């Protein structure tokens, strides 16, 4: 019982410490308001329009601006987490992600102690729980990009019909933004809003391809830019791109069906050692603890984990066929 109380007290202390650090590094909203007012008042000055095109003050909210903690983390990790949050369509910040990860990690570290398991499970449980927020963000980003890819052919056809009806390309983006559900409708509507703010179409499309890393979308953006420079029937080009995307989806579905057995085999082979480890630990904990107490057991455990990861990479390379 004393071990449980110590674990709970440690979790509360770590959570309070992380929360205090997050509040200490939180940016001052008043400074953001002053910066925005300064930019808006300088719009009519020489070079003011160039300043208005900057995304840092016009398209980001005041409360979600990067603070000292976010800048420090991005500099150390060399990862643009802000782009990950935007692609996942979430309002979470780096500070919130770190706080949640540390809180879940501390809670996960207390679980083995609460159930009376061996202390060797403490770092494993804590690390797995701490990685859950990042895994959730990655899953959410992947699901959103996949939905965007599925909606893109229909959006291109709608844009093509709007051009044939005599509407401008900018009005076509507005139509798609209102008629198509997110995520594609939201992104195309944002392109229309950027053009209303004075951003050129080329720059708005470049921002779109940065927010949505999709190869078909890059083809579309390139085709639009080339058509504006050299001329041609943009509606026909959009129809051909949409038809090409649909053919790629058809081939991709056939590939997924042919590689389904390999993917299922990979899942079984990856899950079998873990389930066997948990089963043996439940039946005879002393037998499995030799992997943590004996020097040779530790080497065998590390080797098994390394081989498991290499096997997963090899299976993924085999079944992941680019279309």
Foldseek 3Di string as FASTA:
>chain_A
DVLLVVLVVVLVVQLVVLVVVLVVQQDDLVVLVVVLVVLVVCCPPVCSLVVLLDCQNPVDDSRLHDTPVQVVVCVVVVDDVVLLCLLLVHSDHPSNLQSQLQSQLSVQLSVCSVVVHDNVCNNVRSNVRSCVVVVVSVVSNVVQLVVLLVCLLVLLLQLLVCVVVPDDSLVSLQVQLVPPDPDNSVLSNVLSVSVVSPDDNLVSLVVSCSSRVDPLSVVLSVLVVVCVVPNDRNSVVSNVSSVVSVVQVVVVVVLCVVCVVLVVVLVCVLVVVVVVLVVCCVVPVVVSCCLVPPPVSVVVVVVVVVVSVVSSVVSCVVSVDDD
